[in-house]
Amino acid sequence: MTLFWGKNGLVGLECRGHSGQGVKGEDIVCAAISVLVETLLAGLRDVARVSEAECARDESVPRVRVRWPEAKAAELSLLTRSIVLSLKEVAFRYAEFVSISEVHES
């Protein structure tokens, strides 16, 4: 997983592949990450109403990439910091199956 940071906060993330913790459809680590990404998307679209949020999916990899404008990063910090904290907790507890890299764009 990659977290993309702008000067005002998180501006996107990308998740790629399966964790390998379990077989497809029974992988609890993959399920946890998926729930958090879907929660982020719901928060962006339905709670914060960020119409500029983009989500690109490629099920053949699998890969999901979510981005939003840098101008929205500060006002989204409560949502994004909560999601990042939860993603990092999953990565900490299941370090053999999940890694997080962070890219600072600016």
N, C-alpha and C. Protein backbone atom coordinates (compact mmCIF):
# COMPACT_ATOMS: atom_id res chain seq x y z
N MET A 1 0.83 -1.16 0.00
CA MET A 1 0.00 0.00 0.00
C MET A 1 0.89 1.23 0.00
N THR A 2 0.45 2.26 -0.72
CA THR A 2 1.18 3.52 -0.76
C THR A 2 0.26 4.64 -0.34
N LEU A 3 0.75 5.49 0.55
CA LEU A 3 0.02 6.69 0.97
C LEU A 3 0.71 7.88 0.32
N PHE A 4 -0.08 8.77 -0.27
CA PHE A 4 0.46 9.95 -0.95
C PHE A 4 0.12 11.19 -0.12
N TRP A 5 1.15 11.90 0.27
CA TRP A 5 1.00 13.09 1.11
C TRP A 5 1.32 14.34 0.32
N GLY A 6 0.49 15.35 0.45
CA GLY A 6 0.77 16.68 -0.08
C GLY A 6 1.22 17.57 1.06
N LYS A 7 1.39 18.83 0.80
CA LYS A 7 1.87 19.73 1.86
C LYS A 7 0.82 19.96 2.94
N ASN A 8 -0.47 19.72 2.64
CA ASN A 8 -1.53 19.96 3.62
C ASN A 8 -2.12 18.68 4.20
N GLY A 9 -1.58 17.53 3.84
CA GLY A 9 -2.11 16.28 4.38
C GLY A 9 -2.18 15.20 3.32
N LEU A 10 -2.89 14.13 3.63
CA LEU A 10 -3.04 13.01 2.72
C LEU A 10 -3.84 13.42 1.51
N VAL A 11 -3.38 13.03 0.32
CA VAL A 11 -4.08 13.36 -0.93
C VAL A 11 -4.45 12.12 -1.73
N GLY A 12 -4.10 10.94 -1.22
CA GLY A 12 -4.49 9.73 -1.93
C GLY A 12 -3.81 8.50 -1.37
N LEU A 13 -4.25 7.36 -1.90
CA LEU A 13 -3.63 6.09 -1.53
C LEU A 13 -3.83 5.10 -2.66
N GLU A 14 -2.97 4.10 -2.65
CA GLU A 14 -3.09 3.02 -3.62
C GLU A 14 -2.85 1.70 -2.91
N CYS A 15 -3.72 0.74 -3.17
CA CYS A 15 -3.57 -0.62 -2.65
C CYS A 15 -3.44 -1.53 -3.85
N ARG A 16 -2.49 -2.46 -3.77
CA ARG A 16 -2.22 -3.35 -4.91
C ARG A 16 -2.04 -4.78 -4.41
N GLY A 17 -2.72 -5.71 -5.07
CA GLY A 17 -2.55 -7.12 -4.80
C GLY A 17 -3.33 -7.60 -3.59
N HIS A 18 -3.19 -8.88 -3.33
CA HIS A 18 -3.80 -9.49 -2.15
C HIS A 18 -2.71 -9.69 -1.09
N SER A 19 -3.10 -9.75 0.14
CA SER A 19 -2.12 -9.87 1.22
C SER A 19 -1.48 -11.25 1.27
N GLY A 20 -2.22 -12.27 0.85
CA GLY A 20 -1.69 -13.63 0.94
C GLY A 20 -1.89 -14.28 2.29
N GLN A 21 -2.61 -13.62 3.18
CA GLN A 21 -2.86 -14.18 4.52
C GLN A 21 -3.77 -15.39 4.43
N GLY A 22 -4.69 -15.37 3.50
CA GLY A 22 -5.62 -16.47 3.31
C GLY A 22 -5.97 -16.58 1.84
N VAL A 23 -6.73 -17.58 1.48
CA VAL A 23 -7.14 -17.73 0.09
C VAL A 23 -8.11 -16.62 -0.27
N LYS A 24 -8.18 -16.32 -1.56
CA LYS A 24 -9.07 -15.27 -2.05
C LYS A 24 -10.49 -15.55 -1.55
N GLY A 25 -11.10 -14.52 -0.99
CA GLY A 25 -12.44 -14.66 -0.43
C GLY A 25 -12.46 -15.00 1.05
N GLU A 26 -11.30 -15.41 1.61
CA GLU A 26 -11.21 -15.74 3.03
C GLU A 26 -10.05 -15.02 3.70
N ASP A 27 -9.48 -14.06 3.03
CA ASP A 27 -8.30 -13.33 3.50
C ASP A 27 -8.76 -12.18 4.40
N ILE A 28 -8.61 -12.34 5.72
CA ILE A 28 -9.11 -11.32 6.65
C ILE A 28 -8.33 -10.02 6.57
N VAL A 29 -7.05 -10.09 6.20
CA VAL A 29 -6.24 -8.87 6.08
C VAL A 29 -6.71 -8.07 4.87
N CYS A 30 -6.90 -8.75 3.76
CA CYS A 30 -7.40 -8.09 2.56
C CYS A 30 -8.80 -7.50 2.83
N ALA A 31 -9.61 -8.23 3.54
CA ALA A 31 -10.96 -7.75 3.87
C ALA A 31 -10.89 -6.49 4.74
N ALA A 32 -9.99 -6.47 5.71
CA ALA A 32 -9.86 -5.30 6.58
C ALA A 32 -9.43 -4.07 5.79
N ILE A 33 -8.45 -4.24 4.91
CA ILE A 33 -7.98 -3.12 4.09
C ILE A 33 -9.10 -2.66 3.16
N SER A 34 -9.81 -3.60 2.56
CA SER A 34 -10.91 -3.25 1.65
C SER A 34 -11.99 -2.45 2.36
N VAL A 35 -12.35 -2.87 3.56
CA VAL A 35 -13.37 -2.15 4.33
C VAL A 35 -12.91 -0.73 4.62
N LEU A 36 -11.66 -0.56 4.97
CA LEU A 36 -11.15 0.79 5.27
C LEU A 36 -11.12 1.67 4.03
N VAL A 37 -10.75 1.12 2.89
CA VAL A 37 -10.75 1.90 1.64
C VAL A 37 -12.18 2.26 1.26
N GLU A 38 -13.11 1.33 1.39
CA GLU A 38 -14.51 1.63 1.07
C GLU A 38 -15.08 2.66 2.05
N THR A 39 -14.66 2.61 3.31
CA THR A 39 -15.09 3.61 4.29
C THR A 39 -14.55 4.99 3.91
N LEU A 40 -13.30 5.04 3.48
CA LEU A 40 -12.72 6.30 3.00
C LEU A 40 -13.53 6.84 1.83
N LEU A 41 -13.83 6.00 0.86
CA LEU A 41 -14.61 6.44 -0.30
C LEU A 41 -15.98 6.96 0.10
N ALA A 42 -16.66 6.25 1.00
CA ALA A 42 -17.98 6.70 1.46
C ALA A 42 -17.85 8.04 2.18
N GLY A 43 -16.82 8.19 2.99
CA GLY A 43 -16.61 9.45 3.70
C GLY A 43 -16.33 10.61 2.75
N LEU A 44 -15.52 10.35 1.74
CA LEU A 44 -15.20 11.39 0.76
C LEU A 44 -16.43 11.82 -0.02
N ARG A 45 -17.18 10.84 -0.50
CA ARG A 45 -18.30 11.14 -1.40
C ARG A 45 -19.58 11.51 -0.65
N ASP A 46 -19.93 10.75 0.37
CA ASP A 46 -21.24 10.91 0.98
C ASP A 46 -21.26 11.79 2.23
N VAL A 47 -20.14 11.91 2.91
CA VAL A 47 -20.09 12.74 4.11
C VAL A 47 -19.45 14.09 3.79
N ALA A 48 -18.24 14.07 3.27
CA ALA A 48 -17.53 15.32 2.95
C ALA A 48 -17.97 15.91 1.61
N ARG A 49 -18.63 15.10 0.80
CA ARG A 49 -19.13 15.53 -0.52
C ARG A 49 -18.04 16.12 -1.41
N VAL A 50 -16.95 15.39 -1.51
CA VAL A 50 -15.82 15.79 -2.36
C VAL A 50 -16.07 15.22 -3.75
N SER A 51 -16.67 16.02 -4.61
CA SER A 51 -17.01 15.55 -5.95
C SER A 51 -15.77 15.30 -6.81
N GLU A 52 -14.66 15.92 -6.43
CA GLU A 52 -13.43 15.77 -7.20
C GLU A 52 -12.65 14.51 -6.84
N ALA A 53 -13.11 13.75 -5.87
CA ALA A 53 -12.42 12.51 -5.49
C ALA A 53 -12.50 11.53 -6.65
N GLU A 54 -11.37 10.89 -6.93
CA GLU A 54 -11.30 9.93 -8.02
C GLU A 54 -10.93 8.56 -7.48
N CYS A 55 -11.53 7.54 -8.06
CA CYS A 55 -11.21 6.17 -7.68
C CYS A 55 -11.02 5.37 -8.96
N ALA A 56 -9.85 4.77 -9.08
CA ALA A 56 -9.56 3.91 -10.24
C ALA A 56 -9.32 2.50 -9.73
N ARG A 57 -10.01 1.54 -10.34
CA ARG A 57 -9.88 0.14 -9.94
C ARG A 57 -9.43 -0.69 -11.12
N ASP A 58 -8.61 -1.67 -10.83
CA ASP A 58 -8.19 -2.64 -11.83
C ASP A 58 -8.26 -4.01 -11.16
N GLU A 59 -9.33 -4.72 -11.40
CA GLU A 59 -9.56 -6.01 -10.73
C GLU A 59 -8.61 -7.09 -11.22
N SER A 60 -7.97 -6.89 -12.38
CA SER A 60 -7.05 -7.92 -12.88
C SER A 60 -5.76 -7.98 -12.07
N VAL A 61 -5.43 -6.90 -11.36
CA VAL A 61 -4.16 -6.86 -10.61
C VAL A 61 -4.29 -7.50 -9.23
N PRO A 62 -5.18 -7.25 -8.35
CA PRO A 62 -6.12 -6.14 -8.20
C PRO A 62 -5.43 -4.88 -7.66
N ARG A 63 -6.03 -3.74 -8.00
CA ARG A 63 -5.49 -2.46 -7.57
C ARG A 63 -6.62 -1.46 -7.43
N VAL A 64 -6.53 -0.62 -6.41
CA VAL A 64 -7.45 0.51 -6.26
C VAL A 64 -6.61 1.73 -5.90
N ARG A 65 -6.89 2.82 -6.58
CA ARG A 65 -6.17 4.08 -6.33
C ARG A 65 -7.22 5.15 -6.11
N VAL A 66 -7.10 5.85 -4.98
CA VAL A 66 -8.04 6.91 -4.62
C VAL A 66 -7.24 8.20 -4.48
N ARG A 67 -7.73 9.26 -5.10
CA ARG A 67 -7.06 10.57 -5.04
C ARG A 67 -8.11 11.67 -4.85
N TRP A 68 -7.68 12.76 -4.23
CA TRP A 68 -8.52 13.94 -4.09
C TRP A 68 -7.61 15.16 -4.14
N PRO A 69 -8.18 16.34 -4.39
CA PRO A 69 -7.36 17.54 -4.56
C PRO A 69 -6.61 17.93 -3.29
N GLU A 70 -5.40 18.40 -3.49
CA GLU A 70 -4.57 18.92 -2.39
C GLU A 70 -5.33 20.00 -1.62
N ALA A 71 -6.11 20.81 -2.32
CA ALA A 71 -6.86 21.90 -1.68
C ALA A 71 -7.86 21.39 -0.64
N LYS A 72 -8.26 20.13 -0.73
CA LYS A 72 -9.21 19.54 0.22
C LYS A 72 -8.52 18.81 1.37
N ALA A 73 -7.21 18.62 1.30
CA ALA A 73 -6.49 17.77 2.25
C ALA A 73 -6.68 18.20 3.71
N ALA A 74 -6.56 19.48 3.98
CA ALA A 74 -6.65 19.96 5.37
C ALA A 74 -8.05 19.73 5.94
N GLU A 75 -9.08 20.02 5.17
CA GLU A 75 -10.44 19.87 5.69
C GLU A 75 -10.85 18.40 5.81
N LEU A 76 -10.13 17.51 5.14
CA LEU A 76 -10.42 16.08 5.23
C LEU A 76 -9.56 15.36 6.27
N SER A 77 -8.77 16.11 7.02
CA SER A 77 -7.77 15.48 7.89
C SER A 77 -8.37 14.57 8.96
N LEU A 78 -9.51 14.88 9.51
CA LEU A 78 -10.11 14.00 10.53
C LEU A 78 -10.43 12.63 9.91
N LEU A 79 -11.05 12.65 8.75
CA LEU A 79 -11.37 11.41 8.05
C LEU A 79 -10.09 10.67 7.65
N THR A 80 -9.19 11.36 6.99
CA THR A 80 -8.01 10.67 6.44
C THR A 80 -7.05 10.21 7.53
N ARG A 81 -6.88 10.98 8.58
CA ARG A 81 -6.02 10.55 9.68
C ARG A 81 -6.59 9.32 10.37
N SER A 82 -7.90 9.25 10.49
CA SER A 82 -8.54 8.07 11.10
C SER A 82 -8.32 6.83 10.23
N ILE A 83 -8.48 6.98 8.94
CA ILE A 83 -8.27 5.85 8.02
C ILE A 83 -6.80 5.43 8.04
N VAL A 84 -5.89 6.39 7.98
CA VAL A 84 -4.45 6.06 8.00
C VAL A 84 -4.08 5.35 9.30
N LEU A 85 -4.56 5.84 10.41
CA LEU A 85 -4.30 5.19 11.70
C LEU A 85 -4.77 3.74 11.68
N SER A 86 -5.95 3.51 11.14
CA SER A 86 -6.50 2.15 11.07
C SER A 86 -5.70 1.28 10.10
N LEU A 87 -5.32 1.81 8.96
CA LEU A 87 -4.51 1.05 8.00
C LEU A 87 -3.16 0.69 8.61
N LYS A 88 -2.56 1.62 9.32
CA LYS A 88 -1.26 1.34 9.95
C LYS A 88 -1.39 0.31 11.07
N GLU A 89 -2.52 0.30 11.74
CA GLU A 89 -2.74 -0.71 12.78
C GLU A 89 -2.84 -2.10 12.16
N VAL A 90 -3.55 -2.21 11.05
CA VAL A 90 -3.63 -3.50 10.34
C VAL A 90 -2.23 -3.91 9.89
N ALA A 91 -1.48 -2.97 9.33
CA ALA A 91 -0.11 -3.28 8.86
C ALA A 91 0.79 -3.68 10.01
N PHE A 92 0.63 -3.08 11.17
CA PHE A 92 1.42 -3.43 12.35
C PHE A 92 1.09 -4.84 12.82
N ARG A 93 -0.19 -5.14 12.92
CA ARG A 93 -0.62 -6.45 13.42
C ARG A 93 -0.34 -7.58 12.44
N TYR A 94 -0.32 -7.26 11.16
CA TYR A 94 -0.11 -8.28 10.12
C TYR A 94 1.06 -7.88 9.22
N ALA A 95 2.17 -7.53 9.85
CA ALA A 95 3.33 -7.00 9.13
C ALA A 95 3.87 -7.96 8.07
N GLU A 96 3.67 -9.24 8.26
CA GLU A 96 4.17 -10.20 7.28
C GLU A 96 3.32 -10.22 6.00
N PHE A 97 2.16 -9.55 6.03
CA PHE A 97 1.24 -9.57 4.90
C PHE A 97 0.98 -8.19 4.30
N VAL A 98 1.29 -7.13 5.03
CA VAL A 98 0.97 -5.77 4.57
C VAL A 98 2.18 -4.85 4.81
N SER A 99 2.48 -4.05 3.81
CA SER A 99 3.50 -3.02 4.01
C SER A 99 2.93 -1.70 3.51
N ILE A 100 3.35 -0.64 4.15
CA ILE A 100 2.91 0.70 3.78
C ILE A 100 4.14 1.53 3.44
N SER A 101 4.11 2.14 2.26
CA SER A 101 5.13 3.13 1.92
C SER A 101 4.43 4.48 1.82
N GLU A 102 5.20 5.52 2.07
CA GLU A 102 4.64 6.86 2.06
C GLU A 102 5.44 7.74 1.10
N VAL A 103 4.71 8.41 0.23
CA VAL A 103 5.32 9.30 -0.77
C VAL A 103 4.89 10.72 -0.43
N HIS A 104 5.87 11.59 -0.30
CA HIS A 104 5.60 12.99 -0.01
C HIS A 104 5.76 13.79 -1.30
N GLU A 105 4.63 14.26 -1.81
CA GLU A 105 4.61 15.05 -3.04
C GLU A 105 4.55 16.52 -2.65
N SER A 106 5.28 17.33 -3.26
CA SER A 106 5.20 18.78 -3.00
C SER A 106 6.17 19.52 -3.83
